[in-house]
Amino acid sequence: MITSMLKPSFFALVILLTAVACSNPVKLMERGEFDEAIQLSVKKLAGKKNKKTKFVKAIEESFARVTKADMRQIEVLKKEGREENWVKINDITRRIQWRQNLIEPFLPIYSEDGYKADFKFVRIEDLELESKAKAADYFYVEGKKLLVDAERGDKSAARRAYDQFARISQYYPVFKDEKELMKRAKDLGTVYVLFKMENDSRVLLPKDFEREVKQIDVRDLGSEWRSVHLNPASGLDYDYTVIMRLTSLESTPDLVKEREYVEDKQIEDGWEYVLDERGNVRKDSSGNDIKIPHKVFIKANVLETYQNKAVHVGGRLEFYDNDLKELVSTEPLSADAIFENYAATFRGDKRALTEESKKKIGNRPVPFPSSEALILQAAETLKPIIKDKIYSSRILI
């Protein structure tokens, strides 16, 4: 019992001590979290006349130690002589500059005891500019190297080249001809897909069928590295062709069926008195007349007319790799368009009708839609199916 009572207090204490440690610049400095210690110290010292000595010394020591470590790392990276190191060097110089800019507005910093913090700023501007230029040039050169492979048909290299050029923007909004090179890398890295339709059903299609199928928003089919076209663009070599091949088109004749059926039920229709053996009305214990529901059987004769007509469209999506000149994947396709209509009349007591029959009563037979209209309706049904299969295809990458 005592143990269970102590547990909440113990965990609360742990949480409290953790929060205190995280909000203590001295503790952060001791853990080597110098930038965090500097940020927290600045926050605690800002606007205060009586600055605690421990916080002033914490920001001073944290600044000195982290600056020394950064400068040492810069020297090591420069001595290695690797071009990619300029990216890391620029990151470090930016961090040094950010740190100095954070502290500078508060200088000089005195504690309540008169202790003055000593901050040795470093002149980092020239190195920051040099490293920025060399880091940007590094990504530029790497991107151009990758473009060589991209020009040979390596789309993966083109995409990596694009990423290299894109990273230059963190240093310069415009750098040499990197915008044009990015555009070239984008073009080389994009998979271009042409969607076509072919009718192998041996059935003459309505003239608007293909137009209806192709009313797909291609923006929903594409991705960062895929572009789908519904009509061929002049001068563009397509990587893949997706063919919707229609193989079957079946249409049923106009169907009319009539049937007659009876619906009946027992219902309560008023009430009647309960009589005793002498023919007198029975009384309950309170002296009231005893009445019971009067039940009767009712029925209705229903004449139903059912109309039906259907169209079934079947086929497949064929994915062709134009470089390999071969079929690489096939997906089945099918869609149905169904016309149904119920009409009914009745004779008898309407109360006998079920809810289902009531819905049909009053409806009348209507003209059948044309086969062409149903085929176009099936085309409308096919569109989201085609769209989903193209979008989710792992072939078109």
Protein backbone atom coordinates (compact mmCIF):
# COMPACT_ATOMS: atom_id res chain seq x y z
CA MET A 1 0.00 0.00 0.00
CA ILE A 2 2.81 2.41 0.96
CA THR A 3 4.72 1.57 -2.25
CA SER A 4 1.70 2.30 -4.45
CA MET A 5 1.18 5.63 -2.71
CA LEU A 6 4.78 6.68 -3.27
CA LYS A 7 4.90 5.87 -6.99
CA PRO A 8 2.98 8.92 -8.28
CA SER A 9 5.10 11.26 -6.14
CA PHE A 10 8.34 9.65 -7.34
CA PHE A 11 7.43 9.97 -11.02
CA ALA A 12 6.26 13.54 -10.49
CA LEU A 13 9.63 14.31 -8.90
CA VAL A 14 11.51 12.78 -11.84
CA ILE A 15 9.50 14.89 -14.29
CA LEU A 16 10.10 18.00 -12.18
CA LEU A 17 13.86 17.41 -11.96
CA THR A 18 14.04 16.79 -15.72
CA ALA A 19 12.19 20.03 -16.42
CA VAL A 20 14.48 21.96 -14.05
CA ALA A 21 17.59 20.48 -15.69
CA CYS A 22 16.34 21.37 -19.17
CA SER A 23 15.63 24.94 -18.03
CA ASN A 24 19.06 25.38 -16.41
CA PRO A 25 21.79 26.80 -18.69
CA VAL A 26 24.51 25.46 -16.41
CA LYS A 27 23.19 21.90 -16.70
CA LEU A 28 22.87 22.24 -20.48
CA MET A 29 26.46 23.46 -20.69
CA GLU A 30 27.69 20.56 -18.59
CA ARG A 31 25.97 18.16 -21.00
CA GLY A 32 27.70 19.81 -23.96
CA GLU A 33 24.50 21.38 -25.28
CA PHE A 34 26.20 24.73 -25.77
CA ASP A 35 23.85 26.39 -28.26
CA GLU A 36 20.87 25.42 -26.15
CA ALA A 37 22.62 26.81 -23.07
CA ILE A 38 23.35 30.09 -24.89
CA GLN A 39 19.76 30.46 -26.11
CA LEU A 40 18.35 29.79 -22.65
CA SER A 41 20.84 32.12 -20.98
CA VAL A 42 19.94 34.94 -23.37
CA LYS A 43 16.28 34.35 -22.60
CA LYS A 44 16.89 34.48 -18.85
CA LEU A 45 19.15 37.54 -19.03
CA ALA A 46 17.10 39.62 -21.47
CA GLY A 47 15.65 42.75 -19.88
CA LYS A 48 16.99 42.02 -16.39
CA LYS A 49 19.18 44.53 -14.56
CA ASN A 50 20.33 42.05 -11.91
CA LYS A 51 21.75 39.23 -13.97
CA LYS A 52 22.74 36.13 -12.07
CA THR A 53 26.46 35.43 -12.24
CA LYS A 54 25.99 31.74 -12.90
CA PHE A 55 23.96 32.47 -16.01
CA VAL A 56 26.44 35.10 -17.24
CA LYS A 57 29.31 32.67 -16.79
CA ALA A 58 27.30 29.88 -18.41
CA ILE A 59 26.72 31.87 -21.58
CA GLU A 60 30.36 33.03 -21.61
CA GLU A 61 31.81 29.55 -21.22
CA SER A 62 29.31 27.92 -23.58
CA PHE A 63 30.11 30.50 -26.25
CA ALA A 64 33.88 30.06 -25.86
CA ARG A 65 33.75 26.27 -25.92
CA VAL A 66 31.37 25.91 -28.87
CA THR A 67 33.20 28.57 -30.93
CA LYS A 68 36.53 26.82 -30.30
CA ALA A 69 35.03 23.46 -31.31
CA ASP A 70 33.50 24.92 -34.48
CA MET A 71 36.73 26.62 -35.56
CA ARG A 72 38.70 23.43 -34.93
CA GLN A 73 36.22 21.46 -37.05
CA ILE A 74 36.52 24.00 -39.86
CA GLU A 75 40.31 23.60 -39.89
CA VAL A 76 40.01 19.81 -40.04
CA LEU A 77 37.52 19.98 -42.91
CA LYS A 78 39.72 22.41 -44.85
CA LYS A 79 42.79 20.23 -44.40
CA GLU A 80 40.95 17.21 -45.79
CA GLY A 81 40.69 19.09 -49.07
CA ARG A 82 37.41 17.51 -50.16
CA GLU A 83 35.08 19.70 -52.18
CA GLU A 84 31.95 18.41 -50.44
CA ASN A 85 33.37 19.67 -47.11
CA TRP A 86 32.55 23.25 -48.14
CA VAL A 87 28.89 22.42 -47.52
CA LYS A 88 29.66 21.50 -43.90
CA ILE A 89 32.02 24.47 -43.51
CA ASN A 90 29.29 26.86 -44.65
CA ASP A 91 26.83 25.31 -42.22
CA ILE A 92 29.31 25.88 -39.39
CA THR A 93 30.06 29.49 -40.40
CA ARG A 94 26.36 30.25 -40.51
CA ARG A 95 25.96 28.75 -37.07
CA ILE A 96 28.86 30.84 -35.71
CA GLN A 97 27.39 34.00 -37.24
CA TRP A 98 23.93 33.21 -35.87
CA ARG A 99 25.38 32.70 -32.39
CA GLN A 100 27.32 35.97 -32.47
CA ASN A 101 24.30 37.87 -33.76
CA LEU A 102 22.25 36.43 -30.90
CA ILE A 103 24.63 37.71 -28.23
CA GLU A 104 25.81 41.03 -29.73
CA PRO A 105 22.69 43.10 -28.88
CA PHE A 106 23.20 42.37 -25.16
CA LEU A 107 26.87 43.42 -24.94
CA PRO A 108 28.39 44.25 -22.58
CA ILE A 109 26.97 41.68 -20.18
CA TYR A 110 27.56 42.29 -16.46
CA SER A 111 26.30 40.13 -13.63
CA GLU A 112 24.73 41.47 -10.46
CA ASP A 113 28.12 41.02 -8.80
CA GLY A 114 29.89 43.13 -11.41
CA TYR A 115 31.33 40.21 -13.34
CA LYS A 116 31.79 41.07 -17.02
CA ALA A 117 31.53 38.29 -19.57
CA ASP A 118 34.28 38.16 -22.17
CA PHE A 119 33.21 37.11 -25.66
CA LYS A 120 35.87 36.67 -28.32
CA PHE A 121 34.02 37.04 -31.61
CA VAL A 122 35.63 35.67 -34.75
CA ARG A 123 35.66 37.36 -38.13
CA ILE A 124 33.77 34.76 -40.09
CA GLU A 125 32.23 36.83 -42.90
CA ASP A 126 34.93 36.16 -45.49
CA LEU A 127 34.96 32.43 -44.80
CA GLU A 128 31.16 32.37 -44.89
CA LEU A 129 31.16 34.00 -48.34
CA GLU A 130 33.92 31.72 -49.60
CA SER A 131 32.29 28.55 -48.32
CA LYS A 132 28.91 29.63 -49.70
CA ALA A 133 30.35 30.08 -53.18
CA LYS A 134 32.28 26.81 -53.05
CA ALA A 135 29.33 24.85 -51.61
CA ALA A 136 27.08 26.14 -54.40
CA ASP A 137 29.76 25.31 -56.95
CA TYR A 138 30.09 21.81 -55.50
CA PHE A 139 26.38 21.07 -56.05
CA TYR A 140 26.58 22.66 -59.50
CA VAL A 141 29.50 20.45 -60.57
CA GLU A 142 27.94 17.31 -59.08
CA GLY A 143 24.68 18.05 -60.87
CA LYS A 144 26.44 18.47 -64.21
CA LYS A 145 28.27 15.16 -63.72
CA LEU A 146 24.97 13.40 -63.13
CA LEU A 147 23.46 15.08 -66.18
CA VAL A 148 26.00 13.25 -68.35
CA ASP A 149 24.47 9.91 -67.27
CA ALA A 150 21.01 11.43 -67.55
CA GLU A 151 21.63 12.31 -71.19
CA ARG A 152 22.37 8.63 -71.77
CA GLY A 153 18.92 7.68 -70.50
CA ASP A 154 19.50 7.24 -66.76
CA LYS A 155 16.39 8.84 -65.27
CA SER A 156 17.57 8.15 -61.73
CA ALA A 157 20.70 10.20 -62.43
CA ALA A 158 18.54 12.99 -63.84
CA ARG A 159 16.50 13.13 -60.66
CA ARG A 160 19.61 13.20 -58.49
CA ALA A 161 20.99 15.96 -60.70
CA TYR A 162 17.80 17.94 -60.19
CA ASP A 163 18.17 17.59 -56.42
CA GLN A 164 21.80 18.79 -56.59
CA PHE A 165 20.83 21.89 -58.57
CA ALA A 166 17.87 22.54 -56.27
CA ARG A 167 20.17 22.68 -53.23
CA ILE A 168 21.99 25.67 -54.71
CA SER A 169 18.98 27.86 -53.89
CA GLN A 170 19.90 27.77 -50.19
CA TYR A 171 22.98 29.81 -51.12
CA TYR A 172 21.93 31.90 -54.15
CA PRO A 173 18.55 32.62 -55.76
CA VAL A 174 20.31 32.53 -59.15
CA PHE A 175 23.61 30.77 -59.82
CA LYS A 176 25.14 30.51 -63.29
CA ASP A 177 22.76 28.55 -65.55
CA GLU A 178 21.45 26.21 -62.84
CA LYS A 179 17.79 27.08 -63.62
CA GLU A 180 18.20 25.88 -67.21
CA LEU A 181 20.06 22.78 -66.02
CA MET A 182 17.32 22.04 -63.50
CA LYS A 183 14.76 22.25 -66.26
CA ARG A 184 16.82 19.88 -68.38
CA ALA A 185 17.21 17.46 -65.47
CA LYS A 186 13.47 17.63 -64.85
CA ASP A 187 12.74 16.78 -68.46
CA LEU A 188 15.24 13.90 -68.54
CA GLY A 189 14.04 12.50 -65.23
CA THR A 190 10.33 12.59 -66.04
CA VAL A 191 8.55 9.49 -67.28
CA TYR A 192 6.25 10.44 -70.17
CA VAL A 193 3.19 8.26 -70.66
CA LEU A 194 0.77 8.27 -73.59
CA PHE A 195 -2.75 6.93 -73.06
CA LYS A 196 -4.54 5.43 -76.06
CA MET A 197 -7.70 3.45 -76.72
CA GLU A 198 -8.18 0.63 -79.20
CA ASN A 199 -11.41 -1.21 -79.99
CA ASP A 200 -11.03 -4.96 -80.55
CA SER A 201 -14.63 -5.79 -79.67
CA ARG A 202 -15.81 -5.92 -83.32
CA VAL A 203 -18.66 -3.66 -82.27
CA LEU A 204 -19.03 -0.17 -83.63
CA LEU A 205 -18.70 2.26 -80.74
CA PRO A 206 -20.57 5.53 -80.37
CA LYS A 207 -18.47 8.35 -81.75
CA ASP A 208 -18.30 10.00 -78.31
CA PHE A 209 -17.11 6.87 -76.45
CA GLU A 210 -13.37 7.57 -76.71
CA ARG A 211 -13.88 11.24 -76.00
CA GLU A 212 -15.83 10.32 -72.86
CA VAL A 213 -13.15 7.88 -71.67
CA LYS A 214 -10.44 10.47 -72.23
CA GLN A 215 -12.18 13.12 -70.18
CA ILE A 216 -9.77 12.37 -67.33
CA ASP A 217 -7.95 15.06 -65.40
CA VAL A 218 -4.35 14.09 -66.23
CA ARG A 219 -3.11 16.26 -63.36
CA ASP A 220 -4.44 13.58 -61.02
CA LEU A 221 -2.54 10.88 -62.92
CA GLY A 222 0.85 12.52 -62.85
CA SER A 223 3.36 12.92 -60.06
CA GLU A 224 6.58 14.82 -59.54
CA TRP A 225 8.35 12.58 -62.04
CA ARG A 226 5.50 11.33 -64.23
CA SER A 227 3.50 13.10 -66.92
CA VAL A 228 0.51 11.45 -68.61
CA HIS A 229 -0.78 12.69 -71.97
CA LEU A 230 -4.09 11.83 -73.58
CA ASN A 231 -2.93 13.05 -76.97
CA PRO A 232 0.61 12.75 -78.40
CA ALA A 233 2.78 15.86 -78.21
CA SER A 234 4.87 16.65 -81.26
CA GLY A 235 8.55 15.78 -80.90
CA LEU A 236 8.17 14.00 -77.54
CA ASP A 237 9.49 10.47 -77.10
CA TYR A 238 7.17 8.62 -74.76
CA ASP A 239 8.65 6.16 -72.28
CA TYR A 240 5.44 4.17 -71.89
CA THR A 241 2.19 3.71 -73.74
CA VAL A 242 -0.91 2.66 -71.86
CA ILE A 243 -3.57 1.18 -74.15
CA MET A 244 -7.13 0.66 -73.05
CA ARG A 245 -8.01 -2.30 -75.23
CA LEU A 246 -11.74 -2.90 -75.52
CA THR A 247 -12.36 -6.61 -76.11
CA SER A 248 -16.08 -7.07 -75.52
CA LEU A 249 -19.23 -5.02 -75.65
CA GLU A 250 -22.51 -6.73 -74.89
CA SER A 251 -25.96 -5.18 -74.86
CA THR A 252 -29.14 -6.94 -73.78
CA PRO A 253 -32.45 -6.36 -75.61
CA ASP A 254 -35.23 -4.32 -74.05
CA LEU A 255 -36.80 -6.57 -71.43
CA VAL A 256 -40.34 -6.16 -70.07
CA LYS A 257 -41.72 -8.54 -67.45
CA GLU A 258 -45.10 -8.43 -65.83
CA ARG A 259 -46.21 -10.29 -62.75
CA GLU A 260 -49.28 -10.26 -60.57
CA TYR A 261 -49.13 -11.01 -56.88
CA VAL A 262 -51.29 -10.68 -53.79
CA GLU A 263 -50.30 -9.03 -50.54
CA ASP A 264 -52.41 -9.48 -47.43
CA LYS A 265 -52.19 -8.89 -43.72
CA GLN A 266 -54.27 -8.83 -40.58
CA ILE A 267 -54.91 -5.37 -39.16
CA GLU A 268 -56.87 -3.82 -36.32
CA ASP A 269 -60.02 -2.13 -37.56
CA GLY A 270 -61.77 -0.50 -34.63
CA TRP A 271 -62.83 -2.44 -31.52
CA GLU A 272 -65.69 -4.51 -30.15
CA TYR A 273 -67.18 -5.21 -26.71
CA VAL A 274 -66.58 -8.46 -24.84
CA LEU A 275 -69.91 -10.09 -23.98
CA ASP A 276 -70.69 -12.59 -21.27
CA GLU A 277 -72.75 -15.74 -21.74
CA ARG A 278 -75.95 -13.73 -21.36
CA GLY A 279 -74.95 -11.25 -24.08
CA ASN A 280 -74.15 -8.43 -21.69
CA VAL A 281 -71.01 -6.31 -21.91
CA ARG A 282 -68.35 -7.51 -19.51
CA LYS A 283 -66.93 -5.10 -16.94
CA ASP A 284 -63.40 -4.87 -15.56
CA SER A 285 -62.60 -4.55 -11.86
CA SER A 286 -63.14 -0.76 -12.10
CA GLY A 287 -66.56 -1.17 -13.66
CA ASN A 288 -65.46 -0.11 -17.16
CA ASP A 289 -66.65 -1.84 -20.35
CA ILE A 290 -64.14 -4.36 -21.64
CA LYS A 291 -63.21 -3.80 -25.29
CA ILE A 292 -60.86 -5.71 -27.59
CA PRO A 293 -59.40 -4.74 -30.99
CA HIS A 294 -61.42 -5.80 -33.99
CA LYS A 295 -59.08 -7.62 -36.40
CA VAL A 296 -59.75 -8.12 -40.07
CA PHE A 297 -57.84 -9.61 -43.00
CA ILE A 298 -57.20 -7.29 -45.94
CA LYS A 299 -55.53 -7.86 -49.30
CA ALA A 300 -54.47 -6.11 -52.48
CA ASN A 301 -53.77 -7.46 -55.97
CA VAL A 302 -50.63 -5.89 -57.45
CA LEU A 303 -49.77 -5.81 -61.15
CA GLU A 304 -46.05 -5.05 -61.54
CA THR A 305 -44.19 -4.13 -64.72
CA TYR A 306 -40.39 -4.50 -64.68
CA GLN A 307 -38.15 -2.98 -67.35
CA ASN A 308 -34.49 -3.89 -67.78
CA LYS A 309 -31.69 -3.22 -70.20
CA ALA A 310 -27.94 -3.60 -69.63
CA VAL A 311 -24.59 -3.04 -71.28
CA HIS A 312 -21.35 -4.74 -70.31
CA VAL A 313 -17.98 -3.39 -71.42
CA GLY A 314 -14.89 -5.53 -70.97
CA GLY A 315 -11.25 -5.14 -71.79
CA ARG A 316 -7.84 -4.53 -70.27
CA LEU A 317 -5.17 -1.91 -69.72
CA GLU A 318 -1.90 -2.77 -71.43
CA PHE A 319 1.33 -1.13 -70.27
CA TYR A 320 4.04 -1.02 -72.94
CA ASP A 321 7.68 -0.11 -72.31
CA ASN A 322 8.58 1.79 -75.47
CA ASP A 323 12.34 1.41 -74.95
CA LEU A 324 12.08 -2.37 -74.58
CA LYS A 325 9.26 -2.47 -77.14
CA GLU A 326 7.34 -5.01 -75.11
CA LEU A 327 4.22 -5.44 -73.02
CA VAL A 328 5.23 -5.28 -69.35
CA SER A 329 1.91 -5.39 -67.50
CA THR A 330 -1.80 -6.02 -68.03
CA GLU A 331 -4.76 -5.01 -65.86
CA PRO A 332 -8.33 -6.24 -66.46
CA LEU A 333 -11.10 -3.69 -67.00
CA SER A 334 -14.87 -4.00 -66.93
CA ALA A 335 -17.90 -1.82 -66.38
CA ASP A 336 -21.67 -2.22 -66.50
CA ALA A 337 -24.46 0.20 -67.20
CA ILE A 338 -27.90 -1.02 -66.12
CA PHE A 339 -31.32 0.48 -66.70
CA GLU A 340 -34.11 -0.71 -64.40
CA ASN A 341 -37.62 0.58 -63.84
CA TYR A 342 -40.51 -0.73 -61.79
CA ALA A 343 -44.11 0.36 -62.32
CA ALA A 344 -47.18 -1.01 -60.57
CA THR A 345 -50.93 -0.66 -60.10
CA PHE A 346 -53.15 -2.37 -57.53
CA ARG A 347 -56.71 -3.33 -56.75
CA GLY A 348 -57.95 -3.79 -53.22
CA ASP A 349 -57.03 -2.33 -49.86
CA LYS A 350 -53.91 -0.13 -50.04
CA ARG A 351 -53.20 -0.83 -46.38
CA ALA A 352 -52.24 -4.39 -47.33
CA LEU A 353 -49.29 -3.21 -49.41
CA THR A 354 -45.71 -3.59 -48.19
CA GLU A 355 -43.42 -0.55 -48.17
CA GLU A 356 -41.59 -1.94 -51.18
CA SER A 357 -44.81 -2.21 -53.18
CA LYS A 358 -45.92 1.25 -52.13
CA LYS A 359 -42.78 2.71 -53.72
CA LYS A 360 -43.68 1.14 -57.06
CA ILE A 361 -47.32 2.17 -57.06
CA GLY A 362 -47.89 5.22 -59.25
CA ASN A 363 -44.74 4.67 -61.29
CA ARG A 364 -45.26 4.22 -64.99
CA PRO A 365 -43.31 2.44 -67.70
CA VAL A 366 -40.78 4.76 -69.33
CA PRO A 367 -39.03 4.72 -72.71
CA PHE A 368 -35.95 2.52 -72.81
CA PRO A 369 -32.60 4.31 -73.15
CA SER A 370 -30.69 3.66 -76.33
CA SER A 371 -27.79 1.22 -76.34
CA GLU A 372 -25.55 4.14 -77.24
CA ALA A 373 -26.60 6.04 -74.11
CA LEU A 374 -25.85 3.03 -71.90
CA ILE A 375 -22.47 2.49 -73.57
CA LEU A 376 -21.54 6.09 -72.81
CA GLN A 377 -22.71 5.56 -69.24
CA ALA A 378 -20.37 2.56 -69.00
CA ALA A 379 -17.56 4.77 -70.30
CA GLU A 380 -18.24 7.17 -67.45
CA THR A 381 -17.94 4.25 -65.03
CA LEU A 382 -14.64 3.18 -66.60
CA LYS A 383 -12.92 6.53 -66.08
CA PRO A 384 -12.20 6.31 -62.33
CA ILE A 385 -11.13 2.67 -62.76
CA ILE A 386 -8.62 3.59 -65.47
CA LYS A 387 -7.48 6.57 -63.47
CA ASP A 388 -6.82 4.51 -60.35
CA LYS A 389 -4.93 1.77 -62.22
CA ILE A 390 -2.65 4.23 -63.98
CA TYR A 391 -2.00 6.29 -60.85
CA SER A 392 -1.17 3.28 -58.67
CA SER A 393 0.92 1.49 -61.27
CA ARG A 394 4.47 0.73 -60.13
CA ILE A 395 5.51 0.24 -63.74
CA LEU A 396 5.29 3.92 -64.66
CA ILE A 397 8.14 5.27 -62.54
